[in-house]
PDB file of N, CA and C in Angstrom:
ATOM      1  N   MET A   1      88.010  92.226 116.218  1.00  0.00           N
ATOM      2  CA  MET A   1      88.792  91.569 115.206  1.00  0.00           C
ATOM      3  C   MET A   1      89.505  90.393 115.878  1.00  0.00           C
ATOM      4  N   TYR A   2      89.319  89.236 115.350  1.00  0.00           N
ATOM      5  CA  TYR A   2      89.882  88.050 115.970  1.00  0.00           C
ATOM      6  C   TYR A   2      91.124  87.540 115.268  1.00  0.00           C
ATOM      7  N   ARG A   3      91.225  87.770 114.003  1.00  0.00           N
ATOM      8  CA  ARG A   3      92.389  87.294 113.254  1.00  0.00           C
ATOM      9  C   ARG A   3      93.454  88.388 113.267  1.00  0.00           C
ATOM     10  N   PRO A   4      94.690  88.062 113.664  1.00  0.00           N
ATOM     11  CA  PRO A   4      95.741  89.088 113.701  1.00  0.00           C
ATOM     12  C   PRO A   4      96.260  89.432 112.305  1.00  0.00           C
ATOM     13  N   LEU A   5      96.848  90.621 112.203  1.00  0.00           N
ATOM     14  CA  LEU A   5      97.483  90.986 110.933  1.00  0.00           C
ATOM     15  C   LEU A   5      98.475  89.921 110.525  1.00  0.00           C
ATOM     16  N   TYR A   6      99.305  89.506 111.483  1.00  0.00           N
ATOM     17  CA  TYR A   6     100.310  88.474 111.213  1.00  0.00           C
ATOM     18  C   TYR A   6     100.221  87.390 112.261  1.00  0.00           C
ATOM     19  N   TRP A   7     100.081  86.184 111.793  1.00  0.00           N
ATOM     20  CA  TRP A   7      99.979  85.014 112.656  1.00  0.00           C
ATOM     21  C   TRP A   7     101.317  84.307 112.599  1.00  0.00           C
ATOM     22  N   PHE A   8     101.933  84.128 113.768  1.00  0.00           N
ATOM     23  CA  PHE A   8     103.230  83.461 113.824  1.00  0.00           C
ATOM     24  C   PHE A   8     103.051  82.058 114.367  1.00  0.00           C
ATOM     25  N   GLY A   9     103.740  81.141 113.756  1.00  0.00           N
ATOM     26  CA  GLY A   9     103.712  79.752 114.167  1.00  0.00           C
ATOM     27  C   GLY A   9     103.311  78.866 113.012  1.00  0.00           C
ATOM     28  N   ALA A  10     104.236  78.061 112.594  1.00  0.00           N
ATOM     29  CA  ALA A  10     103.989  77.062 111.558  1.00  0.00           C
ATOM     30  C   ALA A  10     104.448  75.738 112.134  1.00  0.00           C
ATOM     31  N   GLY A  11     103.519  75.045 112.775  1.00  0.00           N
ATOM     32  CA  GLY A  11     103.907  73.836 113.492  1.00  0.00           C
ATOM     33  C   GLY A  11     104.710  74.225 114.716  1.00  0.00           C
ATOM     34  N   ALA A  12     105.902  73.667 114.855  1.00  0.00           N
ATOM     35  CA  ALA A  12     106.755  73.973 116.000  1.00  0.00           C
ATOM     36  C   ALA A  12     107.707  75.137 115.722  1.00  0.00           C
ATOM     37  N   GLN A  13     107.616  75.743 114.539  1.00  0.00           N
ATOM     38  CA  GLN A  13     108.532  76.819 114.161  1.00  0.00           C
ATOM     39  C   GLN A  13     107.880  78.195 114.367  1.00  0.00           C
ATOM     40  N   PRO A  14     108.622  79.166 114.921  1.00  0.00           N
ATOM     41  CA  PRO A  14     108.074  80.516 115.124  1.00  0.00           C
ATOM     42  C   PRO A  14     108.189  81.383 113.869  1.00  0.00           C
ATOM     43  N   LEU A  15     107.630  80.907 112.762  1.00  0.00           N
ATOM     44  CA  LEU A  15     107.709  81.610 111.491  1.00  0.00           C
ATOM     45  C   LEU A  15     106.357  82.225 111.146  1.00  0.00           C
ATOM     46  N   LEU A  16     106.372  83.232 110.288  1.00  0.00           N
ATOM     47  CA  LEU A  16     105.142  83.847 109.801  1.00  0.00           C
ATOM     48  C   LEU A  16     104.310  82.799 109.073  1.00  0.00           C
ATOM     49  N   ASN A  17     103.047  82.706 109.441  1.00  0.00           N
ATOM     50  CA  ASN A  17     102.137  81.775 108.786  1.00  0.00           C
ATOM     51  C   ASN A  17     101.202  82.591 107.898  1.00  0.00           C
ATOM     52  N   PRO A  18     101.533  82.748 106.608  1.00  0.00           N
ATOM     53  CA  PRO A  18     100.749  83.611 105.734  1.00  0.00           C
ATOM     54  C   PRO A  18      99.318  83.139 105.523  1.00  0.00           C
ATOM     55  N   SER A  19      99.057  81.847 105.615  1.00  0.00           N
ATOM     56  CA  SER A  19      97.697  81.359 105.369  1.00  0.00           C
ATOM     57  C   SER A  19      96.730  81.772 106.473  1.00  0.00           C
ATOM     58  N   LEU A  20      97.214  82.058 107.691  1.00  0.00           N
ATOM     59  CA  LEU A  20      96.349  82.468 108.797  1.00  0.00           C
ATOM     60  C   LEU A  20      96.388  83.971 109.058  1.00  0.00           C
ATOM     61  N   SER A  21      97.262  84.696 108.376  1.00  0.00           N
ATOM     62  CA  SER A  21      97.422  86.133 108.603  1.00  0.00           C
ATOM     63  C   SER A  21      96.386  86.934 107.820  1.00  0.00           C
ATOM     64  N   LEU A  22      95.933  88.044 108.405  1.00  0.00           N
ATOM     65  CA  LEU A  22      94.972  88.938 107.755  1.00  0.00           C
ATOM     66  C   LEU A  22      95.634  89.768 106.661  1.00  0.00           C
ATOM     67  N   ALA A  23      96.942  89.968 106.764  1.00  0.00           N
ATOM     68  CA  ALA A  23      97.667  90.796 105.797  1.00  0.00           C
ATOM     69  C   ALA A  23      98.709  89.965 105.047  1.00  0.00           C
ATOM     70  N   ASN A  24      99.057  90.454 103.869  1.00  0.00           N
ATOM     71  CA  ASN A  24     100.165  89.870 103.117  1.00  0.00           C
ATOM     72  C   ASN A  24     101.473  90.249 103.804  1.00  0.00           C
ATOM     73  N   PRO A  25     102.548  89.514 103.563  1.00  0.00           N
ATOM     74  CA  PRO A  25     103.834  89.902 104.154  1.00  0.00           C
ATOM     75  C   PRO A  25     104.183  91.340 103.783  1.00  0.00           C
ATOM     76  N   PRO A  26     104.781  92.080 104.719  1.00  0.00           N
ATOM     77  CA  PRO A  26     105.091  93.494 104.442  1.00  0.00           C
ATOM     78  C   PRO A  26     106.188  93.636 103.397  1.00  0.00           C
ATOM     79  N   THR A  27     106.146  94.758 102.694  1.00  0.00           N
ATOM     80  CA  THR A  27     107.251  95.126 101.807  1.00  0.00           C
ATOM     81  C   THR A  27     107.948  96.303 102.457  1.00  0.00           C
ATOM     82  N   TRP A  28     109.256  96.362 102.324  1.00  0.00           N
ATOM     83  CA  TRP A  28     110.055  97.374 103.006  1.00  0.00           C
ATOM     84  C   TRP A  28     110.719  98.317 102.021  1.00  0.00           C
ATOM     85  N   SER A  29     110.760  99.589 102.393  1.00  0.00           N
ATOM     86  CA  SER A  29     111.504 100.614 101.674  1.00  0.00           C
ATOM     87  C   SER A  29     112.203 101.451 102.732  1.00  0.00           C
ATOM     88  N   GLY A  30     113.456 101.121 102.993  1.00  0.00           N
ATOM     89  CA  GLY A  30     114.173 101.774 104.087  1.00  0.00           C
ATOM     90  C   GLY A  30     113.535 101.393 105.411  1.00  0.00           C
ATOM     91  N   ASN A  31     113.098 102.396 106.188  1.00  0.00           N
ATOM     92  CA  ASN A  31     112.462 102.146 107.479  1.00  0.00           C
ATOM     93  C   ASN A  31     110.938 102.099 107.392  1.00  0.00           C
ATOM     94  N   THR A  32     110.389 102.123 106.184  1.00  0.00           N
ATOM     95  CA  THR A  32     108.946 102.150 106.003  1.00  0.00           C
ATOM     96  C   THR A  32     108.438 100.786 105.553  1.00  0.00           C
ATOM     97  N   ALA A  33     107.446 100.283 106.263  1.00  0.00           N
ATOM     98  CA  ALA A  33     106.812  99.019 105.888  1.00  0.00           C
ATOM     99  C   ALA A  33     105.458  99.317 105.274  1.00  0.00           C
ATOM    100  N   THR A  34     105.157  98.662 104.167  1.00  0.00           N
ATOM    101  CA  THR A  34     103.848  98.770 103.546  1.00  0.00           C
ATOM    102  C   THR A  34     103.125  97.450 103.765  1.00  0.00           C
ATOM    103  N   ILE A  35     101.929  97.545 104.348  1.00  0.00           N
ATOM    104  CA  ILE A  35     101.143  96.355 104.662  1.00  0.00           C
ATOM    105  C   ILE A  35      99.862  96.394 103.835  1.00  0.00           C
ATOM    106  N   THR A  36      99.608  95.330 103.100  1.00  0.00           N
ATOM    107  CA  THR A  36      98.365  95.232 102.335  1.00  0.00           C
ATOM    108  C   THR A  36      97.513  94.109 102.928  1.00  0.00           C
ATOM    109  N   LEU A  37      96.229  94.421 103.078  1.00  0.00           N
ATOM    110  CA  LEU A  37      95.307  93.444 103.644  1.00  0.00           C
ATOM    111  C   LEU A  37      94.864  92.453 102.579  1.00  0.00           C
ATOM    112  N   LYS A  38      94.609  91.224 103.016  1.00  0.00           N
ATOM    113  CA  LYS A  38      93.991  90.244 102.129  1.00  0.00           C
ATOM    114  C   LYS A  38      92.501  90.571 102.052  1.00  0.00           C
ATOM    115  N   HIS A  39      91.793  89.913 101.170  1.00  0.00           N
ATOM    116  CA  HIS A  39      90.375  90.189 100.961  1.00  0.00           C
ATOM    117  C   HIS A  39      89.528  89.378 101.943  1.00  0.00           C
ATOM    118  N   TYR A  40      89.288  89.962 103.126  1.00  0.00           N
ATOM    119  CA  TYR A  40      88.412  89.356 104.123  1.00  0.00           C
ATOM    120  C   TYR A  40      87.176  90.220 104.261  1.00  0.00           C
ATOM    121  N   THR A  41      86.073  89.591 104.696  1.00  0.00           N
ATOM    122  CA  THR A  41      84.839  90.339 104.892  1.00  0.00           C
ATOM    123  C   THR A  41      84.293  90.076 106.295  1.00  0.00           C
ATOM    124  N   TRP A  42      83.489  91.041 106.764  1.00  0.00           N
ATOM    125  CA  TRP A  42      82.771  90.894 108.023  1.00  0.00           C
ATOM    126  C   TRP A  42      81.598  89.950 107.802  1.00  0.00           C
ATOM    127  N   SER A  43      80.929  89.568 108.858  1.00  0.00           N
ATOM    128  CA  SER A  43      79.806  88.632 108.744  1.00  0.00           C
ATOM    129  C   SER A  43      78.662  89.195 107.893  1.00  0.00           C
ATOM    130  N   ASN A  44      78.604  90.544 107.760  1.00  0.00           N
ATOM    131  CA  ASN A  44      77.551  91.138 106.931  1.00  0.00           C
ATOM    132  C   ASN A  44      77.971  91.279 105.464  1.00  0.00           C
ATOM    133  N   GLY A  45      79.181  90.816 105.129  1.00  0.00           N
ATOM    134  CA  GLY A  45      79.652  90.847 103.748  1.00  0.00           C
ATOM    135  C   GLY A  45      80.481  92.060 103.372  1.00  0.00           C
ATOM    136  N   SER A  46      80.551  93.077 104.245  1.00  0.00           N
ATOM    137  CA  SER A  46      81.365  94.258 103.913  1.00  0.00           C
ATOM    138  C   SER A  46      82.840  93.941 104.130  1.00  0.00           C
ATOM    139  N   PRO A  47      83.714  94.518 103.311  1.00  0.00           N
ATOM    140  CA  PRO A  47      85.141  94.193 103.407  1.00  0.00           C
ATOM    141  C   PRO A  47      85.795  94.761 104.667  1.00  0.00           C
ATOM    142  N   VAL A  48      86.780  94.034 105.180  1.00  0.00           N
ATOM    143  CA  VAL A  48      87.628  94.554 106.266  1.00  0.00           C
ATOM    144  C   VAL A  48      88.575  95.554 105.627  1.00  0.00           C
ATOM    145  N   THR A  49      88.644  96.759 106.198  1.00  0.00           N
ATOM    146  CA  THR A  49      89.454  97.829 105.615  1.00  0.00           C
ATOM    147  C   THR A  49      90.573  98.250 106.560  1.00  0.00           C
ATOM    148  N   THR A  50      91.462  99.068 106.038  1.00  0.00           N
ATOM    149  CA  THR A  50      92.528  99.603 106.886  1.00  0.00           C
ATOM    150  C   THR A  50      91.947 100.463 108.002  1.00  0.00           C
ATOM    151  N   ALA A  51      90.828 101.127 107.754  1.00  0.00           N
ATOM    152  CA  ALA A  51      90.184 101.925 108.803  1.00  0.00           C
ATOM    153  C   ALA A  51      89.729 101.026 109.960  1.00  0.00           C
ATOM    154  N   ASP A  52      89.260  99.821 109.654  1.00  0.00           N
ATOM    155  CA  ASP A  52      88.872  98.869 110.701  1.00  0.00           C
ATOM    156  C   ASP A  52      90.078  98.467 111.541  1.00  0.00           C
ATOM    157  N   VAL A  53      91.184  98.197 110.884  1.00  0.00           N
ATOM    158  CA  VAL A  53      92.409  97.809 111.590  1.00  0.00           C
ATOM    159  C   VAL A  53      92.903  98.956 112.468  1.00  0.00           C
ATOM    160  N   MET A  54      92.921 100.177 111.927  1.00  0.00           N
ATOM    161  CA  MET A  54      93.388 101.330 112.711  1.00  0.00           C
ATOM    162  C   MET A  54      92.453 101.614 113.893  1.00  0.00           C
ATOM    163  N   PHE A  55      91.162 101.424 113.719  1.00  0.00           N
ATOM    164  CA  PHE A  55      90.227 101.593 114.827  1.00  0.00           C
ATOM    165  C   PHE A  55      90.587 100.641 115.960  1.00  0.00           C
ATOM    166  N   TRP A  56      90.840  99.380 115.622  1.00  0.00           N
ATOM    167  CA  TRP A  56      91.186  98.364 116.617  1.00  0.00           C
ATOM    168  C   TRP A  56      92.498  98.718 117.331  1.00  0.00           C
ATOM    169  N   ILE A  57      93.509  99.109 116.562  1.00  0.00           N
ATOM    170  CA  ILE A  57      94.805  99.465 117.156  1.00  0.00           C
ATOM    171  C   ILE A  57      94.656 100.683 118.066  1.00  0.00           C
ATOM    172  N   ASN A  58      93.953 101.706 117.600  1.00  0.00           N
ATOM    173  CA  ASN A  58      93.756 102.910 118.416  1.00  0.00           C
ATOM    174  C   ASN A  58      92.943 102.617 119.664  1.00  0.00           C
ATOM    175  N   MET A  59      91.974 101.727 119.566  1.00  0.00           N
ATOM    176  CA  MET A  59      91.181 101.357 120.726  1.00  0.00           C
ATOM    177  C   MET A  59      92.057 100.697 121.789  1.00  0.00           C
ATOM    178  N   LEU A  60      92.980  99.858 121.359  1.00  0.00           N
ATOM    179  CA  LEU A  60      93.868  99.190 122.305  1.00  0.00           C
ATOM    180  C   LEU A  60      94.896 100.130 122.908  1.00  0.00           C
ATOM    181  N   GLN A  61      95.334 101.129 122.158  1.00  0.00           N
ATOM    182  CA  GLN A  61      96.386 102.027 122.629  1.00  0.00           C
ATOM    183  C   GLN A  61      95.861 103.196 123.433  1.00  0.00           C
ATOM    184  N   GLY A  62      94.582 103.515 123.309  1.00  0.00           N
ATOM    185  CA  GLY A  62      94.018 104.669 123.994  1.00  0.00           C
ATOM    186  C   GLY A  62      94.037 104.500 125.497  1.00  0.00           C
ATOM    187  N   PRO A  63      93.944 105.622 126.247  1.00  0.00           N
ATOM    188  CA  PRO A  63      94.009 105.559 127.708  1.00  0.00           C
ATOM    189  C   PRO A  63      92.865 104.747 128.303  1.00  0.00           C
ATOM    190  N   GLU A  64      91.730 104.701 127.650  1.00  0.00           N
ATOM    191  CA  GLU A  64      90.595 103.921 128.127  1.00  0.00           C
ATOM    192  C   GLU A  64      90.374 102.684 127.277  1.00  0.00           C
ATOM    193  N   GLY A  65      91.301 102.420 126.379  1.00  0.00           N
ATOM    194  CA  GLY A  65      91.069 101.389 125.375  1.00  0.00           C
ATOM    195  C   GLY A  65      91.427  99.991 125.792  1.00  0.00           C
ATOM    196  N   GLY A  66      90.427  99.178 126.028  1.00  0.00           N
ATOM    197  CA  GLY A  66      90.657  97.765 126.286  1.00  0.00           C
ATOM    198  C   GLY A  66      91.321  97.503 127.623  1.00  0.00           C
ATOM    199  N   SER A  67      91.340  96.264 127.994  1.00  0.00           N
ATOM    200  CA  SER A  67      91.972  95.893 129.253  1.00  0.00           C
ATOM    201  C   SER A  67      93.459  95.666 129.032  1.00  0.00           C
ATOM    202  N   ASP A  68      94.221  95.735 130.103  1.00  0.00           N
ATOM    203  CA  ASP A  68      95.655  95.458 130.003  1.00  0.00           C
ATOM    204  C   ASP A  68      95.889  94.038 129.502  1.00  0.00           C
ATOM    205  N   ARG A  69      95.054  93.111 129.935  1.00  0.00           N
ATOM    206  CA  ARG A  69      95.219  91.728 129.508  1.00  0.00           C
ATOM    207  C   ARG A  69      95.004  91.600 128.002  1.00  0.00           C
ATOM    208  N   LEU A  70      93.964  92.248 127.478  1.00  0.00           N
ATOM    209  CA  LEU A  70      93.715  92.214 126.043  1.00  0.00           C
ATOM    210  C   LEU A  70      94.845  92.879 125.289  1.00  0.00           C
ATOM    211  N   ARG A  71      95.316  94.003 125.788  1.00  0.00           N
ATOM    212  CA  ARG A  71      96.404  94.728 125.126  1.00  0.00           C
ATOM    213  C   ARG A  71      97.656  93.849 125.064  1.00  0.00           C
ATOM    214  N   ARG A  72      97.977  93.162 126.152  1.00  0.00           N
ATOM    215  CA  ARG A  72      99.166  92.309 126.169  1.00  0.00           C
ATOM    216  C   ARG A  72      98.997  91.112 125.229  1.00  0.00           C
ATOM    217  N   SER A  73      97.776  90.586 125.120  1.00  0.00           N
ATOM    218  CA  SER A  73      97.577  89.390 124.304  1.00  0.00           C
ATOM    219  C   SER A  73      97.621  89.681 122.815  1.00  0.00           C
ATOM    220  N   THR A  74      97.458  90.950 122.390  1.00  0.00           N
ATOM    221  CA  THR A  74      97.429  91.252 120.975  1.00  0.00           C
ATOM    222  C   THR A  74      98.611  92.083 120.521  1.00  0.00           C
ATOM    223  N   THR A  75      99.578  92.325 121.403  1.00  0.00           N
ATOM    224  CA  THR A  75     100.733  93.137 121.076  1.00  0.00           C
ATOM    225  C   THR A  75     101.962  92.265 120.927  1.00  0.00           C
ATOM    226  N   ALA A  76     102.633  92.399 119.796  1.00  0.00           N
ATOM    227  CA  ALA A  76     103.821  91.577 119.547  1.00  0.00           C
ATOM    228  C   ALA A  76     105.056  92.154 120.214  1.00  0.00           C
ATOM    229  N   PHE A  77     105.037  93.445 120.523  1.00  0.00           N
ATOM    230  CA  PHE A  77     106.209  94.090 121.088  1.00  0.00           C
ATOM    231  C   PHE A  77     105.894  94.599 122.489  1.00  0.00           C
ATOM    232  N   PRO A  78     106.883  94.554 123.409  1.00  0.00           N
ATOM    233  CA  PRO A  78     106.633  95.039 124.777  1.00  0.00           C
ATOM    234  C   PRO A  78     106.391  96.528 124.817  1.00  0.00           C
TER     235      PRO A  78
END
Protein backbone atom coordinates (compact mmCIF):
# COMPACT_ATOMS: atom_id res chain seq x y z
CA MET A 1 0.00 0.00 0.00
CA TYR A 2 1.59 3.24 -1.08
CA ARG A 3 -1.00 5.83 -0.16
CA PRO A 4 -1.26 6.49 3.60
CA LEU A 5 -4.53 6.60 5.48
CA TYR A 6 -3.79 10.24 6.25
CA TRP A 7 -1.47 12.43 4.25
CA PHE A 8 -0.16 15.45 6.10
CA GLY A 9 1.11 18.52 4.35
CA ALA A 10 -0.71 21.18 2.41
CA GLY A 11 2.00 23.26 0.85
CA ALA A 12 4.19 24.53 3.68
CA GLN A 13 1.56 23.78 6.35
CA PRO A 14 1.55 20.52 8.39
CA LEU A 15 -2.21 20.06 7.98
CA LEU A 16 -4.26 17.02 6.95
CA ASN A 17 -4.49 16.88 3.17
CA PRO A 18 -7.82 15.11 2.53
CA SER A 19 -7.38 14.98 -1.25
CA LEU A 20 -4.28 12.72 -0.91
CA SER A 21 -5.50 10.64 2.06
CA LEU A 22 -6.89 7.10 1.64
CA ALA A 23 -9.44 7.70 4.41
CA ASN A 24 -11.94 10.41 5.22
CA PRO A 25 -11.19 12.52 8.31
CA PRO A 26 -11.94 10.53 11.48
CA THR A 27 -15.05 11.07 13.56
CA TRP A 28 -14.67 10.92 17.33
CA SER A 29 -16.90 9.58 20.09
CA GLY A 30 -15.05 9.97 23.36
CA ASN A 31 -11.77 8.06 22.98
CA THR A 32 -12.96 6.10 19.94
CA ALA A 33 -12.11 7.16 16.40
CA THR A 34 -14.11 5.88 13.45
CA ILE A 35 -12.22 5.84 10.16
CA THR A 36 -13.98 5.33 6.84
CA LEU A 37 -12.05 4.56 3.69
CA LYS A 38 -12.59 6.42 0.44
CA HIS A 39 -13.46 4.39 -2.65
CA TYR A 40 -10.06 3.27 -3.99
CA THR A 41 -9.35 0.15 -6.01
CA TRP A 42 -6.34 -2.08 -6.62
CA SER A 43 -4.86 -2.34 -10.10
CA ASN A 44 -7.11 -5.36 -10.76
CA GLY A 45 -10.24 -3.30 -9.98
CA SER A 46 -11.09 -4.85 -6.59
CA PRO A 47 -11.81 -2.35 -3.81
CA VAL A 48 -9.31 -1.53 -1.05
CA THR A 49 -10.92 -2.77 2.17
CA THR A 50 -10.36 -2.41 5.88
CA ALA A 51 -8.97 -5.96 5.85
CA ASP A 52 -6.26 -4.77 3.42
CA VAL A 53 -5.36 -1.89 5.73
CA MET A 54 -5.27 -4.14 8.82
CA PHE A 55 -3.09 -6.67 6.98
CA TRP A 56 -0.58 -3.90 6.19
CA ILE A 57 -0.59 -2.56 9.77
CA ASN A 58 -0.21 -6.05 11.27
CA MET A 59 2.59 -6.86 8.84
CA LEU A 60 4.50 -3.79 9.98
CA GLN A 61 3.90 -4.42 13.69
CA GLY A 62 4.68 -8.14 13.71
CA PRO A 63 8.02 -9.44 15.03
CA GLU A 64 9.08 -10.40 11.50
CA GLY A 65 7.06 -7.72 9.77
CA GLY A 66 8.92 -5.37 7.50
CA SER A 67 12.18 -3.61 8.05
CA ASP A 68 12.77 -1.09 10.81
CA ARG A 69 13.30 1.56 8.15
CA LEU A 70 9.94 0.81 6.53
CA ARG A 71 8.22 0.74 9.91
CA ARG A 72 9.68 4.14 10.84
CA SER A 73 8.75 5.67 7.48
CA THR A 74 5.07 4.71 7.75
CA THR A 75 4.45 5.33 11.46
CA ALA A 76 3.19 8.70 12.60
CA PHE A 77 3.85 8.04 16.27
CA PRO A 78 7.13 6.97 17.96
